[in-house]
Amino acid sequence: MSRLFRLPGSVRKDPAVDTWMTEHSGDLGTIAQYWFGVMRACGNDVRELLHDGHPTVCAGDAAFAYVNAFTAHVNVGFFQGAELSDPNRLLEGTGKFMRHVKIRPESEIDSKALMKLIHTAYADIKQRLSAE
């Protein structure tokens, strides 16, 4: 049985995601927009949609990452995050599968390490898809 989280409604460019982005302004919106842009650029097969009210990216229909803005921080989350290599120890959470990175406007984030996590999550989901 596959452990991939499938979202068959994902599309190349979802207008609902763009609407979400315009509704989240200020520092948190800027952070969310930037990191979601990194996710969008991972590959030609990246699709997106709003899932549970926040922007989510998929490789094909297999979800691999999301962003969500809260009152004081942005989460950059990973659907298979518990199994990702994280040598810089950015990931938080204790769920069976998911992990996230909290980004606060007033705090420094290791952008290079987070960029690597996003690309690692994309490569990981691609490998999982090819193994099916």
N, C-alpha and C. Protein backbone atom coordinates (compact mmCIF):
# COMPACT_ATOMS: atom_id res chain seq x y z
N MET A 1 0.84 -1.19 0.00
CA MET A 1 0.00 0.00 0.00
C MET A 1 0.88 1.25 0.00
N SER A 2 0.57 2.20 -0.85
CA SER A 2 1.36 3.42 -0.98
C SER A 2 1.16 4.32 0.23
N ARG A 3 2.24 4.93 0.70
CA ARG A 3 2.17 5.92 1.77
C ARG A 3 2.17 7.34 1.22
N LEU A 4 2.13 7.46 -0.10
CA LEU A 4 2.11 8.78 -0.69
C LEU A 4 0.75 9.43 -0.48
N PHE A 5 0.78 10.72 -0.23
CA PHE A 5 -0.45 11.48 -0.07
C PHE A 5 -0.80 12.07 -1.43
N ARG A 6 -1.84 11.55 -2.05
CA ARG A 6 -2.22 11.94 -3.41
C ARG A 6 -3.29 13.03 -3.39
N LEU A 7 -3.09 14.02 -4.23
CA LEU A 7 -4.04 15.12 -4.40
C LEU A 7 -4.34 15.26 -5.89
N PRO A 8 -5.27 14.46 -6.40
CA PRO A 8 -5.53 14.44 -7.84
C PRO A 8 -6.06 15.75 -8.42
N GLY A 9 -6.47 16.69 -7.58
CA GLY A 9 -6.97 17.97 -8.09
C GLY A 9 -5.89 19.00 -8.32
N SER A 10 -4.65 18.63 -8.14
CA SER A 10 -3.57 19.60 -8.32
C SER A 10 -3.42 19.96 -9.79
N VAL A 11 -3.03 21.21 -10.03
CA VAL A 11 -2.90 21.74 -11.40
C VAL A 11 -1.57 22.50 -11.51
N ARG A 12 -1.17 22.80 -12.74
CA ARG A 12 0.11 23.50 -12.98
C ARG A 12 0.16 24.83 -12.24
N LYS A 13 -0.86 25.65 -12.34
CA LYS A 13 -0.91 26.95 -11.67
C LYS A 13 -2.34 27.18 -11.20
N ASP A 14 -2.54 27.13 -9.89
CA ASP A 14 -3.88 27.24 -9.32
C ASP A 14 -4.17 28.70 -8.94
N PRO A 15 -5.19 29.31 -9.54
CA PRO A 15 -5.54 30.70 -9.19
C PRO A 15 -5.87 30.87 -7.71
N ALA A 16 -6.37 29.82 -7.07
CA ALA A 16 -6.68 29.91 -5.64
C ALA A 16 -5.42 30.11 -4.81
N VAL A 17 -4.31 29.54 -5.26
CA VAL A 17 -3.03 29.74 -4.56
C VAL A 17 -2.60 31.20 -4.69
N ASP A 18 -2.74 31.77 -5.88
CA ASP A 18 -2.38 33.17 -6.07
C ASP A 18 -3.26 34.08 -5.22
N THR A 19 -4.54 33.75 -5.10
CA THR A 19 -5.44 34.51 -4.24
C THR A 19 -4.99 34.43 -2.80
N TRP A 20 -4.63 33.23 -2.35
CA TRP A 20 -4.13 33.06 -0.98
C TRP A 20 -2.92 33.95 -0.75
N MET A 21 -2.02 33.98 -1.72
CA MET A 21 -0.80 34.77 -1.59
C MET A 21 -1.13 36.26 -1.47
N THR A 22 -2.06 36.77 -2.26
CA THR A 22 -2.40 38.19 -2.18
C THR A 22 -3.12 38.52 -0.87
N GLU A 23 -3.79 37.54 -0.29
CA GLU A 23 -4.49 37.77 0.99
C GLU A 23 -3.54 37.73 2.19
N HIS A 24 -2.34 37.26 2.00
CA HIS A 24 -1.35 37.19 3.07
C HIS A 24 -0.22 38.17 2.75
N SER A 25 -0.37 39.37 3.27
CA SER A 25 0.61 40.42 2.98
C SER A 25 1.58 40.58 4.15
N GLY A 26 2.40 41.57 4.06
CA GLY A 26 3.36 41.85 5.13
C GLY A 26 4.51 40.86 5.12
N ASP A 27 5.25 40.85 6.22
CA ASP A 27 6.44 40.01 6.32
C ASP A 27 6.12 38.53 6.16
N LEU A 28 5.05 38.07 6.79
CA LEU A 28 4.72 36.64 6.72
C LEU A 28 4.33 36.24 5.30
N GLY A 29 3.58 37.09 4.63
CA GLY A 29 3.21 36.82 3.25
C GLY A 29 4.42 36.77 2.34
N THR A 30 5.34 37.69 2.54
CA THR A 30 6.57 37.71 1.74
C THR A 30 7.37 36.43 1.93
N ILE A 31 7.47 35.98 3.18
CA ILE A 31 8.19 34.74 3.47
C ILE A 31 7.51 33.56 2.79
N ALA A 32 6.18 33.46 2.95
CA ALA A 32 5.43 32.34 2.35
C ALA A 32 5.56 32.36 0.83
N GLN A 33 5.43 33.53 0.23
CA GLN A 33 5.53 33.65 -1.22
C GLN A 33 6.90 33.22 -1.72
N TYR A 34 7.94 33.64 -1.04
CA TYR A 34 9.29 33.30 -1.47
C TYR A 34 9.50 31.78 -1.46
N TRP A 35 9.20 31.14 -0.33
CA TRP A 35 9.47 29.70 -0.23
C TRP A 35 8.54 28.88 -1.10
N PHE A 36 7.31 29.35 -1.31
CA PHE A 36 6.43 28.63 -2.23
C PHE A 36 6.96 28.76 -3.66
N GLY A 37 7.53 29.89 -3.99
CA GLY A 37 8.17 30.07 -5.30
C GLY A 37 9.30 29.09 -5.51
N VAL A 38 10.09 28.84 -4.47
CA VAL A 38 11.16 27.85 -4.55
C VAL A 38 10.56 26.47 -4.84
N MET A 39 9.48 26.14 -4.15
CA MET A 39 8.82 24.85 -4.36
C MET A 39 8.28 24.72 -5.79
N ARG A 40 7.64 25.77 -6.27
CA ARG A 40 7.08 25.76 -7.62
C ARG A 40 8.14 25.50 -8.68
N ALA A 41 9.35 25.96 -8.42
CA ALA A 41 10.43 25.88 -9.41
C ALA A 41 11.20 24.56 -9.37
N CYS A 42 10.78 23.61 -8.56
CA CYS A 42 11.53 22.35 -8.43
C CYS A 42 11.56 21.52 -9.71
N GLY A 43 10.52 21.56 -10.51
CA GLY A 43 10.51 20.76 -11.73
C GLY A 43 9.28 21.01 -12.58
N ASN A 44 9.33 20.55 -13.83
CA ASN A 44 8.21 20.75 -14.75
C ASN A 44 6.95 19.99 -14.36
N ASP A 45 7.09 18.99 -13.51
CA ASP A 45 5.93 18.20 -13.10
C ASP A 45 5.29 18.71 -11.82
N VAL A 46 5.76 19.85 -11.29
CA VAL A 46 5.20 20.38 -10.05
C VAL A 46 3.81 20.93 -10.32
N ARG A 47 2.89 20.51 -9.48
CA ARG A 47 1.49 20.95 -9.53
C ARG A 47 1.16 21.54 -8.17
N GLU A 48 0.07 22.28 -8.08
CA GLU A 48 -0.28 22.95 -6.84
C GLU A 48 -1.78 23.02 -6.63
N LEU A 49 -2.15 23.31 -5.41
CA LEU A 49 -3.54 23.54 -5.04
C LEU A 49 -3.57 24.01 -3.60
N LEU A 50 -4.74 24.49 -3.17
CA LEU A 50 -4.94 24.75 -1.75
C LEU A 50 -5.43 23.44 -1.13
N HIS A 51 -4.73 22.98 -0.12
CA HIS A 51 -5.15 21.80 0.63
C HIS A 51 -5.25 22.19 2.09
N ASP A 52 -6.38 21.94 2.69
CA ASP A 52 -6.63 22.37 4.07
C ASP A 52 -6.38 23.87 4.24
N GLY A 53 -6.66 24.62 3.19
CA GLY A 53 -6.57 26.07 3.26
C GLY A 53 -5.19 26.67 3.07
N HIS A 54 -4.20 25.87 2.70
CA HIS A 54 -2.88 26.45 2.47
C HIS A 54 -2.24 25.88 1.21
N PRO A 55 -1.37 26.68 0.58
CA PRO A 55 -0.72 26.28 -0.67
C PRO A 55 0.14 25.03 -0.50
N THR A 56 -0.10 24.08 -1.39
CA THR A 56 0.56 22.78 -1.35
C THR A 56 1.10 22.45 -2.73
N VAL A 57 2.30 21.88 -2.78
CA VAL A 57 2.88 21.46 -4.06
C VAL A 57 2.97 19.94 -4.12
N CYS A 58 2.83 19.45 -5.34
CA CYS A 58 2.89 18.02 -5.63
C CYS A 58 3.83 17.80 -6.80
N ALA A 59 4.39 16.60 -6.86
CA ALA A 59 5.05 16.12 -8.07
C ALA A 59 3.99 15.25 -8.72
N GLY A 60 3.45 15.72 -9.83
CA GLY A 60 2.26 15.06 -10.36
C GLY A 60 1.12 15.28 -9.39
N ASP A 61 0.63 14.19 -8.80
CA ASP A 61 -0.43 14.34 -7.79
C ASP A 61 0.03 13.94 -6.39
N ALA A 62 1.33 13.70 -6.20
CA ALA A 62 1.87 13.29 -4.91
C ALA A 62 2.42 14.50 -4.15
N ALA A 63 1.76 14.85 -3.05
CA ALA A 63 2.13 16.03 -2.26
C ALA A 63 3.51 15.85 -1.64
N PHE A 64 4.32 16.92 -1.71
CA PHE A 64 5.62 16.86 -1.06
C PHE A 64 5.90 18.03 -0.12
N ALA A 65 5.24 19.18 -0.30
CA ALA A 65 5.53 20.32 0.58
C ALA A 65 4.39 21.32 0.57
N TYR A 66 4.42 22.22 1.55
CA TYR A 66 3.40 23.26 1.66
C TYR A 66 3.97 24.46 2.41
N VAL A 67 3.26 25.59 2.33
CA VAL A 67 3.52 26.74 3.20
C VAL A 67 2.21 27.10 3.89
N ASN A 68 2.33 27.68 5.07
CA ASN A 68 1.17 28.20 5.77
C ASN A 68 1.62 29.35 6.66
N ALA A 69 0.84 30.43 6.64
CA ALA A 69 1.15 31.60 7.46
C ALA A 69 0.25 31.61 8.69
N PHE A 70 0.86 31.84 9.83
CA PHE A 70 0.15 31.93 11.09
C PHE A 70 0.27 33.35 11.62
N THR A 71 -0.04 33.58 12.86
CA THR A 71 0.00 34.93 13.42
C THR A 71 1.41 35.49 13.49
N ALA A 72 2.37 34.66 13.88
CA ALA A 72 3.73 35.16 14.10
C ALA A 72 4.80 34.40 13.35
N HIS A 73 4.41 33.40 12.55
CA HIS A 73 5.42 32.62 11.82
C HIS A 73 4.81 31.99 10.57
N VAL A 74 5.70 31.48 9.74
CA VAL A 74 5.32 30.72 8.54
C VAL A 74 5.88 29.31 8.71
N ASN A 75 5.07 28.32 8.38
CA ASN A 75 5.57 26.95 8.33
C ASN A 75 5.88 26.59 6.89
N VAL A 76 7.03 26.00 6.67
CA VAL A 76 7.37 25.34 5.42
C VAL A 76 7.36 23.86 5.79
N GLY A 77 6.37 23.14 5.28
CA GLY A 77 6.17 21.77 5.72
C GLY A 77 6.43 20.74 4.64
N PHE A 78 6.68 19.51 5.10
CA PHE A 78 7.05 18.41 4.22
C PHE A 78 6.23 17.18 4.58
N PHE A 79 5.55 16.62 3.58
CA PHE A 79 4.66 15.49 3.81
C PHE A 79 5.40 14.22 4.21
N GLN A 80 6.61 14.03 3.74
CA GLN A 80 7.45 12.88 4.12
C GLN A 80 8.64 13.36 4.94
N GLY A 81 8.45 14.43 5.68
CA GLY A 81 9.54 15.08 6.39
C GLY A 81 10.24 14.23 7.43
N ALA A 82 9.53 13.28 8.02
CA ALA A 82 10.14 12.44 9.06
C ALA A 82 11.27 11.59 8.49
N GLU A 83 11.28 11.38 7.17
CA GLU A 83 12.29 10.54 6.55
C GLU A 83 13.34 11.33 5.76
N LEU A 84 13.26 12.66 5.80
CA LEU A 84 14.22 13.47 5.07
C LEU A 84 15.51 13.64 5.87
N SER A 85 16.61 13.68 5.16
CA SER A 85 17.89 13.99 5.78
C SER A 85 17.87 15.47 6.16
N ASP A 86 18.19 15.77 7.40
CA ASP A 86 18.16 17.14 7.90
C ASP A 86 19.40 17.41 8.77
N PRO A 87 20.58 17.45 8.15
CA PRO A 87 21.81 17.61 8.93
C PRO A 87 21.87 18.93 9.71
N ASN A 88 21.14 19.96 9.26
CA ASN A 88 21.14 21.25 9.96
C ASN A 88 20.05 21.35 11.03
N ARG A 89 19.30 20.29 11.19
CA ARG A 89 18.29 20.17 12.25
C ARG A 89 17.27 21.31 12.23
N LEU A 90 16.76 21.59 11.03
CA LEU A 90 15.74 22.62 10.88
C LEU A 90 14.33 22.09 11.16
N LEU A 91 14.12 20.82 10.89
CA LEU A 91 12.77 20.25 10.96
C LEU A 91 12.27 20.12 12.39
N GLU A 92 10.97 20.43 12.55
CA GLU A 92 10.28 20.29 13.83
C GLU A 92 9.09 19.37 13.63
N GLY A 93 8.59 18.85 14.74
CA GLY A 93 7.38 18.04 14.71
C GLY A 93 7.66 16.62 15.13
N THR A 94 6.59 15.94 15.52
CA THR A 94 6.71 14.57 16.01
C THR A 94 5.74 13.63 15.32
N GLY A 95 5.11 14.07 14.25
CA GLY A 95 4.16 13.22 13.53
C GLY A 95 4.84 12.03 12.90
N LYS A 96 4.03 11.07 12.53
CA LYS A 96 4.56 9.84 11.93
C LYS A 96 5.24 10.10 10.59
N PHE A 97 4.74 11.08 9.83
CA PHE A 97 5.28 11.36 8.50
C PHE A 97 5.73 12.82 8.33
N MET A 98 4.91 13.75 8.75
CA MET A 98 5.14 15.16 8.43
C MET A 98 6.10 15.84 9.40
N ARG A 99 6.81 16.83 8.85
CA ARG A 99 7.67 17.73 9.63
C ARG A 99 7.56 19.12 9.00
N HIS A 100 7.97 20.14 9.73
CA HIS A 100 7.93 21.50 9.22
C HIS A 100 9.10 22.31 9.76
N VAL A 101 9.34 23.43 9.10
CA VAL A 101 10.33 24.42 9.54
C VAL A 101 9.55 25.68 9.85
N LYS A 102 9.72 26.22 11.05
CA LYS A 102 9.08 27.48 11.42
C LYS A 102 10.01 28.63 11.09
N ILE A 103 9.45 29.63 10.41
CA ILE A 103 10.23 30.81 10.05
C ILE A 103 9.53 32.02 10.67
N ARG A 104 10.27 32.76 11.48
CA ARG A 104 9.76 33.98 12.10
C ARG A 104 10.49 35.17 11.47
N PRO A 105 9.75 36.23 11.16
CA PRO A 105 10.38 37.37 10.49
C PRO A 105 11.57 37.94 11.25
N GLU A 106 11.53 37.88 12.58
CA GLU A 106 12.60 38.48 13.37
C GLU A 106 13.79 37.55 13.59
N SER A 107 13.70 36.32 13.10
CA SER A 107 14.77 35.33 13.32
C SER A 107 15.47 34.99 12.00
N GLU A 108 16.73 34.66 12.12
CA GLU A 108 17.50 34.21 10.96
C GLU A 108 17.15 32.76 10.66
N ILE A 109 17.13 32.42 9.39
CA ILE A 109 16.93 31.04 8.95
C ILE A 109 18.10 30.68 8.04
N ASP A 110 18.54 29.47 8.13
CA ASP A 110 19.60 29.00 7.23
C ASP A 110 18.95 28.72 5.87
N SER A 111 18.92 29.74 5.03
CA SER A 111 18.23 29.66 3.74
C SER A 111 18.80 28.56 2.85
N LYS A 112 20.10 28.41 2.89
CA LYS A 112 20.74 27.39 2.06
C LYS A 112 20.28 25.99 2.49
N ALA A 113 20.20 25.77 3.80
CA ALA A 113 19.76 24.47 4.32
C ALA A 113 18.29 24.22 4.00
N LEU A 114 17.46 25.26 4.11
CA LEU A 114 16.03 25.10 3.79
C LEU A 114 15.84 24.85 2.30
N MET A 115 16.59 25.54 1.47
CA MET A 115 16.54 25.30 0.03
C MET A 115 16.89 23.84 -0.26
N LYS A 116 17.91 23.33 0.39
CA LYS A 116 18.32 21.94 0.20
C LYS A 116 17.22 20.98 0.66
N LEU A 117 16.56 21.29 1.78
CA LEU A 117 15.45 20.45 2.25
C LEU A 117 14.32 20.38 1.22
N ILE A 118 13.98 21.52 0.65
CA ILE A 118 12.91 21.55 -0.36
C ILE A 118 13.29 20.68 -1.56
N HIS A 119 14.51 20.84 -2.04
CA HIS A 119 14.94 20.05 -3.20
C HIS A 119 15.08 18.57 -2.84
N THR A 120 15.47 18.28 -1.62
CA THR A 120 15.54 16.90 -1.15
C THR A 120 14.15 16.28 -1.09
N ALA A 121 13.16 17.05 -0.61
CA ALA A 121 11.78 16.54 -0.54
C ALA A 121 11.25 16.25 -1.94
N TYR A 122 11.57 17.12 -2.88
CA TYR A 122 11.14 16.90 -4.27
C TYR A 122 11.80 15.65 -4.84
N ALA A 123 13.10 15.51 -4.66
CA ALA A 123 13.81 14.33 -5.16
C ALA A 123 13.28 13.06 -4.50
N ASP A 124 12.99 13.16 -3.21
CA ASP A 124 12.46 12.01 -2.47
C ASP A 124 11.11 11.56 -3.02
N ILE A 125 10.22 12.50 -3.29
CA ILE A 125 8.89 12.12 -3.80
C ILE A 125 9.01 11.55 -5.20
N LYS A 126 9.93 12.09 -5.99
CA LYS A 126 10.14 11.55 -7.34
C LYS A 126 10.63 10.11 -7.25
N GLN A 127 11.53 9.83 -6.32
CA GLN A 127 12.03 8.47 -6.14
C GLN A 127 10.91 7.54 -5.68
N ARG A 128 10.09 8.01 -4.76
CA ARG A 128 8.96 7.20 -4.28
C ARG A 128 7.98 6.89 -5.41
N LEU A 129 7.73 7.89 -6.27
CA LEU A 129 6.84 7.67 -7.40
C LEU A 129 7.40 6.65 -8.37
N SER A 130 8.69 6.71 -8.62
CA SER A 130 9.28 5.78 -9.57
C SER A 130 9.33 4.37 -9.01
N ALA A 131 9.31 4.22 -7.70
CA ALA A 131 9.35 2.90 -7.06
C ALA A 131 7.97 2.23 -7.06
N GLU A 132 6.93 2.99 -7.34
CA GLU A 132 5.58 2.41 -7.35
C GLU A 132 5.30 1.61 -8.61
